[in-house]
PDB file of all heavy atoms in Angstrom:
ATOM      1  N   LEU A   1      37.266 -58.825 -22.651  1.00  0.00           N
ATOM      2  CA  LEU A   1      36.694 -58.695 -21.303  1.00  0.00           C
ATOM      3  C   LEU A   1      36.422 -57.258 -20.886  1.00  0.00           C
ATOM      4  O   LEU A   1      37.335 -56.377 -21.127  1.00  0.00           O
ATOM      5  CB  LEU A   1      37.642 -59.397 -20.284  1.00  0.00           C
ATOM      6  CG  LEU A   1      37.098 -59.393 -18.810  1.00  0.00           C
ATOM      7  CD1 LEU A   1      35.747 -59.972 -18.673  1.00  0.00           C
ATOM      8  CD2 LEU A   1      38.175 -59.916 -17.857  1.00  0.00           C
ATOM      9  N   LEU A   2      35.304 -56.939 -20.672  1.00  0.00           N
ATOM     10  CA  LEU A   2      34.952 -55.518 -20.205  1.00  0.00           C
ATOM     11  C   LEU A   2      35.094 -55.309 -18.813  1.00  0.00           C
ATOM     12  O   LEU A   2      35.415 -54.324 -18.210  1.00  0.00           O
ATOM     13  CB  LEU A   2      33.497 -55.123 -20.750  1.00  0.00           C
ATOM     14  CG  LEU A   2      33.132 -53.699 -20.580  1.00  0.00           C
ATOM     15  CD1 LEU A   2      34.069 -52.813 -21.415  1.00  0.00           C
ATOM     16  CD2 LEU A   2      31.635 -53.548 -21.056  1.00  0.00           C
ATOM     17  N   GLY A   3      34.695 -56.377 -18.001  1.00  0.00           N
ATOM     18  CA  GLY A   3      34.741 -56.338 -16.484  1.00  0.00           C
ATOM     19  C   GLY A   3      33.718 -57.245 -15.774  1.00  0.00           C
ATOM     20  O   GLY A   3      33.026 -57.986 -16.504  1.00  0.00           O
ATOM     21  N   ALA A   4      33.808 -57.235 -14.513  1.00  0.00           N
ATOM     22  CA  ALA A   4      33.003 -58.036 -13.633  1.00  0.00           C
ATOM     23  C   ALA A   4      31.638 -57.276 -13.305  1.00  0.00           C
ATOM     24  O   ALA A   4      31.723 -56.144 -13.050  1.00  0.00           O
ATOM     25  CB  ALA A   4      33.693 -58.512 -12.152  1.00  0.00           C
ATOM     26  N   VAL A   5      30.594 -58.068 -13.491  1.00  0.00           N
ATOM     27  CA  VAL A   5      29.314 -57.396 -13.388  1.00  0.00           C
ATOM     28  C   VAL A   5      29.058 -57.312 -11.878  1.00  0.00           C
ATOM     29  O   VAL A   5      28.966 -58.204 -11.023  1.00  0.00           O
ATOM     30  CB  VAL A   5      28.139 -58.278 -13.907  1.00  0.00           C
ATOM     31  CG1 VAL A   5      26.756 -57.561 -13.594  1.00  0.00           C
ATOM     32  CG2 VAL A   5      28.386 -58.328 -15.434  1.00  0.00           C
ATOM     33  N   SER A   6      28.911 -56.052 -11.409  1.00  0.00           N
ATOM     34  CA  SER A   6      28.576 -55.708  -9.887  1.00  0.00           C
ATOM     35  C   SER A   6      27.115 -55.437  -9.669  1.00  0.00           C
ATOM     36  O   SER A   6      26.627 -55.644  -8.562  1.00  0.00           O
ATOM     37  CB  SER A   6      29.450 -54.570  -9.356  1.00  0.00           C
ATOM     38  OG  SER A   6      29.063 -53.386 -10.233  1.00  0.00           O
ATOM     39  N   GLN A   7      26.397 -54.930 -10.689  1.00  0.00           N
ATOM     40  CA  GLN A   7      24.997 -54.632 -10.522  1.00  0.00           C
ATOM     41  C   GLN A   7      24.291 -55.031 -11.793  1.00  0.00           C
ATOM     42  O   GLN A   7      24.766 -54.920 -12.983  1.00  0.00           O
ATOM     43  CB  GLN A   7      24.742 -53.117 -10.406  1.00  0.00           C
ATOM     44  CG  GLN A   7      25.348 -52.560  -9.106  1.00  0.00           C
ATOM     45  CD  GLN A   7      24.544 -53.027  -7.956  1.00  0.00           C
ATOM     46  OE1 GLN A   7      23.392 -53.306  -7.975  1.00  0.00           O
ATOM     47  NE2 GLN A   7      25.139 -52.978  -6.709  1.00  0.00           N
ATOM     48  N   ARG A   8      23.131 -55.630 -11.653  1.00  0.00           N
ATOM     49  CA  ARG A   8      22.267 -56.028 -12.871  1.00  0.00           C
ATOM     50  C   ARG A   8      20.976 -55.341 -12.694  1.00  0.00           C
ATOM     51  O   ARG A   8      20.206 -55.607 -11.665  1.00  0.00           O
ATOM     52  CB  ARG A   8      22.184 -57.558 -12.928  1.00  0.00           C
ATOM     53  CG  ARG A   8      21.313 -57.983 -14.269  1.00  0.00           C
ATOM     54  CD  ARG A   8      21.599 -59.501 -14.415  1.00  0.00           C
ATOM     55  NE  ARG A   8      20.903 -60.248 -13.355  1.00  0.00           N
ATOM     56  CZ  ARG A   8      20.896 -61.707 -13.371  1.00  0.00           C
ATOM     57  NH1 ARG A   8      21.566 -62.308 -14.286  1.00  0.00           N
ATOM     58  NH2 ARG A   8      20.318 -62.257 -12.378  1.00  0.00           N
ATOM     59  N   MET A   9      20.555 -54.650 -13.668  1.00  0.00           N
ATOM     60  CA  MET A   9      19.277 -53.932 -13.663  1.00  0.00           C
ATOM     61  C   MET A   9      18.438 -54.202 -14.931  1.00  0.00           C
ATOM     62  O   MET A   9      18.872 -54.663 -15.972  1.00  0.00           O
ATOM     63  CB  MET A   9      19.559 -52.357 -13.689  1.00  0.00           C
ATOM     64  CG  MET A   9      20.546 -51.880 -12.619  1.00  0.00           C
ATOM     65  SD  MET A   9      19.638 -51.700 -11.080  1.00  0.00           S
ATOM     66  CE  MET A   9      20.948 -51.043 -10.087  1.00  0.00           C
ATOM     67  N   ASP A  10      17.098 -54.102 -14.674  1.00  0.00           N
ATOM     68  CA  ASP A  10      16.082 -54.169 -15.799  1.00  0.00           C
ATOM     69  C   ASP A  10      15.484 -52.829 -15.994  1.00  0.00           C
ATOM     70  O   ASP A  10      14.890 -52.286 -14.911  1.00  0.00           O
ATOM     71  CB  ASP A  10      15.016 -55.240 -15.377  1.00  0.00           C
ATOM     72  CG  ASP A  10      15.523 -56.614 -15.441  1.00  0.00           C
ATOM     73  OD1 ASP A  10      16.525 -56.946 -16.176  1.00  0.00           O
ATOM     74  OD2 ASP A  10      14.988 -57.472 -14.650  1.00  0.00           O
ATOM     75  N   ALA A  11      15.527 -52.263 -17.162  1.00  0.00           N
ATOM     76  CA  ALA A  11      15.014 -50.996 -17.428  1.00  0.00           C
ATOM     77  C   ALA A  11      13.567 -51.060 -17.851  1.00  0.00           C
ATOM     78  O   ALA A  11      13.243 -51.617 -18.801  1.00  0.00           O
ATOM     79  CB  ALA A  11      15.820 -50.218 -18.578  1.00  0.00           C
ATOM     80  N   GLU A  12      12.634 -50.635 -16.971  1.00  0.00           N
ATOM     81  CA  GLU A  12      11.264 -50.658 -17.259  1.00  0.00           C
ATOM     82  C   GLU A  12      10.716 -49.275 -17.516  1.00  0.00           C
ATOM     83  O   GLU A  12      11.093 -48.298 -16.776  1.00  0.00           O
ATOM     84  CB  GLU A  12      10.554 -51.261 -16.058  1.00  0.00           C
ATOM     85  CG  GLU A  12      11.012 -52.674 -15.705  1.00  0.00           C
ATOM     86  CD  GLU A  12      10.339 -53.196 -14.458  1.00  0.00           C
ATOM     87  OE1 GLU A  12       9.623 -52.415 -13.695  1.00  0.00           O
ATOM     88  OE2 GLU A  12      10.358 -54.417 -14.177  1.00  0.00           O
ATOM     89  N   ILE A  13       9.843 -49.095 -18.464  1.00  0.00           N
ATOM     90  CA  ILE A  13       9.340 -47.882 -18.935  1.00  0.00           C
ATOM     91  C   ILE A  13       8.411 -47.248 -17.673  1.00  0.00           C
ATOM     92  O   ILE A  13       7.730 -47.885 -17.001  1.00  0.00           O
ATOM     93  CB  ILE A  13       8.220 -48.039 -20.144  1.00  0.00           C
ATOM     94  CG1 ILE A  13       9.216 -48.533 -21.324  1.00  0.00           C
ATOM     95  CG2 ILE A  13       7.652 -46.680 -20.511  1.00  0.00           C
ATOM     96  CD1 ILE A  13       8.235 -48.929 -22.509  1.00  0.00           C
ATOM     97  N   LEU A  14       8.748 -46.050 -17.400  1.00  0.00           N
ATOM     98  CA  LEU A  14       8.079 -45.280 -16.327  1.00  0.00           C
ATOM     99  C   LEU A  14       6.866 -44.566 -16.820  1.00  0.00           C
ATOM    100  O   LEU A  14       6.923 -43.821 -17.688  1.00  0.00           O
ATOM    101  CB  LEU A  14       9.071 -44.366 -15.772  1.00  0.00           C
ATOM    102  CG  LEU A  14       8.617 -43.634 -14.399  1.00  0.00           C
ATOM    103  CD1 LEU A  14       8.570 -44.690 -13.293  1.00  0.00           C
ATOM    104  CD2 LEU A  14       9.607 -42.509 -13.970  1.00  0.00           C
ATOM    105  N   HIS A  15       5.765 -45.001 -16.204  1.00  0.00           N
ATOM    106  CA  HIS A  15       4.430 -44.377 -16.687  1.00  0.00           C
ATOM    107  C   HIS A  15       3.881 -43.221 -15.910  1.00  0.00           C
ATOM    108  O   HIS A  15       2.988 -42.574 -16.264  1.00  0.00           O
ATOM    109  CB  HIS A  15       3.339 -45.485 -16.747  1.00  0.00           C
ATOM    110  CG  HIS A  15       3.672 -46.600 -17.511  1.00  0.00           C
ATOM    111  ND1 HIS A  15       4.246 -46.469 -18.822  1.00  0.00           N
ATOM    112  CD2 HIS A  15       3.558 -47.949 -17.357  1.00  0.00           C
ATOM    113  CE1 HIS A  15       4.412 -47.688 -19.335  1.00  0.00           C
ATOM    114  NE2 HIS A  15       4.110 -48.657 -18.468  1.00  0.00           N
ATOM    115  N   GLU A  16       4.581 -43.009 -14.725  1.00  0.00           N
ATOM    116  CA  GLU A  16       4.030 -41.952 -13.803  1.00  0.00           C
ATOM    117  C   GLU A  16       4.598 -40.607 -14.146  1.00  0.00           C
ATOM    118  O   GLU A  16       5.814 -40.401 -14.560  1.00  0.00           O
ATOM    119  CB  GLU A  16       4.303 -42.238 -12.391  1.00  0.00           C
ATOM    120  CG  GLU A  16       3.609 -43.506 -11.867  1.00  0.00           C
ATOM    121  CD  GLU A  16       3.938 -43.841 -10.522  1.00  0.00           C
ATOM    122  OE1 GLU A  16       4.888 -43.168  -9.884  1.00  0.00           O
ATOM    123  OE2 GLU A  16       3.299 -44.727  -9.887  1.00  0.00           O
ATOM    124  N   SER A  17       3.815 -39.493 -14.126  1.00  0.00           N
ATOM    125  CA  SER A  17       4.235 -38.209 -14.381  1.00  0.00           C
ATOM    126  C   SER A  17       4.850 -37.573 -13.267  1.00  0.00           C
ATOM    127  O   SER A  17       5.713 -36.623 -13.449  1.00  0.00           O
ATOM    128  CB  SER A  17       3.101 -37.431 -15.022  1.00  0.00           C
ATOM    129  OG  SER A  17       2.174 -37.342 -13.930  1.00  0.00           O
ATOM    130  N   GLN A  18       4.526 -37.952 -12.015  1.00  0.00           N
ATOM    131  CA  GLN A  18       5.173 -37.499 -10.895  1.00  0.00           C
ATOM    132  C   GLN A  18       5.979 -38.497 -10.047  1.00  0.00           C
ATOM    133  O   GLN A  18       5.481 -39.531  -9.813  1.00  0.00           O
ATOM    134  CB  GLN A  18       3.962 -36.963  -9.934  1.00  0.00           C
ATOM    135  CG  GLN A  18       3.219 -35.677 -10.687  1.00  0.00           C
ATOM    136  CD  GLN A  18       2.160 -35.230  -9.790  1.00  0.00           C
ATOM    137  OE1 GLN A  18       1.885 -35.741  -8.620  1.00  0.00           O
ATOM    138  NE2 GLN A  18       1.433 -34.162 -10.244  1.00  0.00           N
ATOM    139  N   ALA A  19       7.131 -38.146  -9.773  1.00  0.00           N
ATOM    140  CA  ALA A  19       8.037 -39.086  -9.068  1.00  0.00           C
ATOM    141  C   ALA A  19       7.542 -39.457  -7.610  1.00  0.00           C
ATOM    142  O   ALA A  19       7.112 -38.484  -6.838  1.00  0.00           O
ATOM    143  CB  ALA A  19       9.545 -38.560  -9.028  1.00  0.00           C
ATOM    144  N   GLY A  20       7.509 -40.654  -7.271  1.00  0.00           N
ATOM    145  CA  GLY A  20       7.252 -41.227  -5.992  1.00  0.00           C
ATOM    146  C   GLY A  20       5.814 -41.019  -5.686  1.00  0.00           C
ATOM    147  O   GLY A  20       5.420 -41.011  -4.365  1.00  0.00           O
ATOM    148  N   THR A  21       4.876 -40.872  -6.516  1.00  0.00           N
ATOM    149  CA  THR A  21       3.427 -40.765  -6.152  1.00  0.00           C
ATOM    150  C   THR A  21       2.699 -41.834  -6.830  1.00  0.00           C
ATOM    151  O   THR A  21       3.204 -42.390  -7.766  1.00  0.00           O
ATOM    152  CB  THR A  21       2.973 -39.386  -6.666  1.00  0.00           C
ATOM    153  OG1 THR A  21       2.899 -39.364  -8.028  1.00  0.00           O
ATOM    154  CG2 THR A  21       3.690 -38.282  -6.089  1.00  0.00           C
ATOM    155  N   THR A  22       1.643 -42.109  -6.367  1.00  0.00           N
ATOM    156  CA  THR A  22       0.696 -43.169  -6.988  1.00  0.00           C
ATOM    157  C   THR A  22      -0.615 -42.422  -7.459  1.00  0.00           C
ATOM    158  O   THR A  22      -1.464 -43.013  -8.003  1.00  0.00           O
ATOM    159  CB  THR A  22       0.202 -44.113  -6.071  1.00  0.00           C
ATOM    160  OG1 THR A  22      -0.499 -43.477  -4.880  1.00  0.00           O
ATOM    161  CG2 THR A  22       1.495 -44.953  -5.562  1.00  0.00           C
ATOM    162  N   THR A  23      -0.545 -41.190  -7.498  1.00  0.00           N
ATOM    163  CA  THR A  23      -1.695 -40.287  -8.123  1.00  0.00           C
ATOM    164  C   THR A  23      -1.225 -39.582  -9.304  1.00  0.00           C
ATOM    165  O   THR A  23      -0.033 -39.342  -9.471  1.00  0.00           O
ATOM    166  CB  THR A  23      -2.335 -39.370  -7.045  1.00  0.00           C
ATOM    167  OG1 THR A  23      -1.252 -38.453  -6.677  1.00  0.00           O
ATOM    168  CG2 THR A  23      -2.800 -40.073  -5.866  1.00  0.00           C
ATOM    169  N   GLY A  24      -2.198 -39.174 -10.112  1.00  0.00           N
ATOM    170  CA  GLY A  24      -1.940 -38.299 -11.300  1.00  0.00           C
ATOM    171  C   GLY A  24      -1.056 -39.199 -12.321  1.00  0.00           C
ATOM    172  O   GLY A  24      -0.198 -38.672 -12.968  1.00  0.00           O
ATOM    173  N   VAL A  25      -1.509 -40.495 -12.427  1.00  0.00           N
ATOM    174  CA  VAL A  25      -0.739 -41.323 -13.380  1.00  0.00           C
ATOM    175  C   VAL A  25      -1.105 -40.935 -14.791  1.00  0.00           C
ATOM    176  O   VAL A  25      -2.207 -40.651 -15.118  1.00  0.00           O
ATOM    177  CB  VAL A  25      -1.202 -42.818 -13.166  1.00  0.00           C
ATOM    178  CG1 VAL A  25      -0.542 -43.651 -14.257  1.00  0.00           C
ATOM    179  CG2 VAL A  25      -0.888 -43.310 -11.834  1.00  0.00           C
ATOM    180  N   GLN A  26      -0.045 -40.759 -15.531  1.00  0.00           N
ATOM    181  CA  GLN A  26      -0.144 -40.243 -16.947  1.00  0.00           C
ATOM    182  C   GLN A  26       0.899 -40.954 -17.870  1.00  0.00           C
ATOM    183  O   GLN A  26       2.079 -40.899 -17.538  1.00  0.00           O
ATOM    184  CB  GLN A  26       0.074 -38.791 -17.003  1.00  0.00           C
ATOM    185  CG  GLN A  26      -0.069 -38.182 -18.376  1.00  0.00           C
ATOM    186  CD  GLN A  26       0.028 -36.664 -18.391  1.00  0.00           C
ATOM    187  OE1 GLN A  26       0.294 -36.051 -17.353  1.00  0.00           O
ATOM    188  NE2 GLN A  26      -0.100 -36.150 -19.487  1.00  0.00           N
ATOM    189  N   LEU A  27       0.409 -41.575 -18.886  1.00  0.00           N
ATOM    190  CA  LEU A  27       1.439 -42.207 -19.743  1.00  0.00           C
ATOM    191  C   LEU A  27       2.283 -41.233 -20.530  1.00  0.00           C
ATOM    192  O   LEU A  27       1.793 -40.197 -20.936  1.00  0.00           O
ATOM    193  CB  LEU A  27       0.603 -43.105 -20.832  1.00  0.00           C
ATOM    194  CG  LEU A  27      -0.112 -44.340 -20.334  1.00  0.00           C
ATOM    195  CD1 LEU A  27      -0.841 -44.894 -21.430  1.00  0.00           C
ATOM    196  CD2 LEU A  27       0.903 -45.258 -19.854  1.00  0.00           C
ATOM    197  N   ASP A  28       3.514 -41.543 -20.635  1.00  0.00           N
ATOM    198  CA  ASP A  28       4.411 -40.710 -21.406  1.00  0.00           C
ATOM    199  C   ASP A  28       3.997 -40.571 -22.756  1.00  0.00           C
ATOM    200  O   ASP A  28       3.526 -41.515 -23.398  1.00  0.00           O
ATOM    201  CB  ASP A  28       5.892 -41.443 -21.320  1.00  0.00           C
ATOM    202  CG  ASP A  28       6.938 -40.559 -21.951  1.00  0.00           C
ATOM    203  OD1 ASP A  28       6.935 -40.646 -23.310  1.00  0.00           O
ATOM    204  OD2 ASP A  28       7.642 -39.887 -21.362  1.00  0.00           O
ATOM    205  N   ALA A  29       4.038 -39.334 -23.299  1.00  0.00           N
ATOM    206  CA  ALA A  29       3.510 -39.014 -24.742  1.00  0.00           C
ATOM    207  C   ALA A  29       4.135 -39.941 -25.747  1.00  0.00           C
ATOM    208  O   ALA A  29       3.501 -40.496 -26.657  1.00  0.00           O
ATOM    209  CB  ALA A  29       3.649 -37.531 -25.040  1.00  0.00           C
ATOM    210  N   SER A  30       5.443 -40.176 -25.662  1.00  0.00           N
ATOM    211  CA  SER A  30       6.209 -40.839 -26.578  1.00  0.00           C
ATOM    212  C   SER A  30       5.880 -42.361 -26.539  1.00  0.00           C
ATOM    213  O   SER A  30       5.626 -43.081 -27.561  1.00  0.00           O
ATOM    214  CB  SER A  30       7.726 -40.768 -26.347  1.00  0.00           C
ATOM    215  OG  SER A  30       8.042 -39.376 -26.596  1.00  0.00           O
ATOM    216  N   TYR A  31       5.663 -42.856 -25.257  1.00  0.00           N
ATOM    217  CA  TYR A  31       5.323 -44.302 -25.034  1.00  0.00           C
ATOM    218  C   TYR A  31       3.834 -44.427 -25.687  1.00  0.00           C
ATOM    219  O   TYR A  31       3.613 -45.542 -26.294  1.00  0.00           O
ATOM    220  CB  TYR A  31       5.364 -44.627 -23.630  1.00  0.00           C
ATOM    221  CG  TYR A  31       5.020 -46.049 -23.349  1.00  0.00           C
ATOM    222  CD1 TYR A  31       5.663 -47.081 -23.884  1.00  0.00           C
ATOM    223  CD2 TYR A  31       3.801 -46.459 -22.732  1.00  0.00           C
ATOM    224  CE1 TYR A  31       5.354 -48.465 -23.611  1.00  0.00           C
ATOM    225  CE2 TYR A  31       3.444 -47.708 -22.433  1.00  0.00           C
ATOM    226  CZ  TYR A  31       4.266 -48.796 -22.874  1.00  0.00           C
ATOM    227  OH  TYR A  31       3.882 -50.043 -22.688  1.00  0.00           O
ATOM    228  N   ARG A  32       2.979 -43.447 -25.448  1.00  0.00           N
ATOM    229  CA  ARG A  32       1.632 -43.600 -25.995  1.00  0.00           C
ATOM    230  C   ARG A  32       1.612 -43.688 -27.506  1.00  0.00           C
ATOM    231  O   ARG A  32       0.975 -44.418 -28.108  1.00  0.00           O
ATOM    232  CB  ARG A  32       0.679 -42.493 -25.608  1.00  0.00           C
ATOM    233  CG  ARG A  32      -0.767 -42.569 -25.972  1.00  0.00           C
ATOM    234  CD  ARG A  32      -1.549 -41.318 -25.600  1.00  0.00           C
ATOM    235  NE  ARG A  32      -1.512 -40.923 -24.221  1.00  0.00           N
ATOM    236  CZ  ARG A  32      -0.918 -39.937 -23.694  1.00  0.00           C
ATOM    237  NH1 ARG A  32      -0.155 -39.130 -24.504  1.00  0.00           N
ATOM    238  NH2 ARG A  32      -0.955 -39.767 -22.349  1.00  0.00           N
ATOM    239  N   ALA A  33       2.400 -42.887 -28.077  1.00  0.00           N
ATOM    240  CA  ALA A  33       2.584 -42.889 -29.591  1.00  0.00           C
ATOM    241  C   ALA A  33       3.126 -44.257 -30.010  1.00  0.00           C
ATOM    242  O   ALA A  33       2.717 -44.837 -31.057  1.00  0.00           O
ATOM    243  CB  ALA A  33       3.441 -41.765 -30.061  1.00  0.00           C
ATOM    244  N   LEU A  34       4.070 -44.824 -29.311  1.00  0.00           N
ATOM    245  CA  LEU A  34       4.678 -46.096 -29.649  1.00  0.00           C
ATOM    246  C   LEU A  34       3.696 -47.286 -29.557  1.00  0.00           C
ATOM    247  O   LEU A  34       3.482 -48.071 -30.448  1.00  0.00           O
ATOM    248  CB  LEU A  34       5.901 -46.436 -28.716  1.00  0.00           C
ATOM    249  CG  LEU A  34       6.604 -47.722 -29.037  1.00  0.00           C
ATOM    250  CD1 LEU A  34       7.254 -47.740 -30.321  1.00  0.00           C
ATOM    251  CD2 LEU A  34       7.698 -47.893 -27.854  1.00  0.00           C
TER     252      LEU A  34
END
């Protein structure tokens, strides 16, 4: 037993180059290569 789960999260790839904006969307270079 590791412990009781207090938070459950889904990690989704972040495509925006600027935090908190909806403009200047730019795919991560590594994700584009993938």
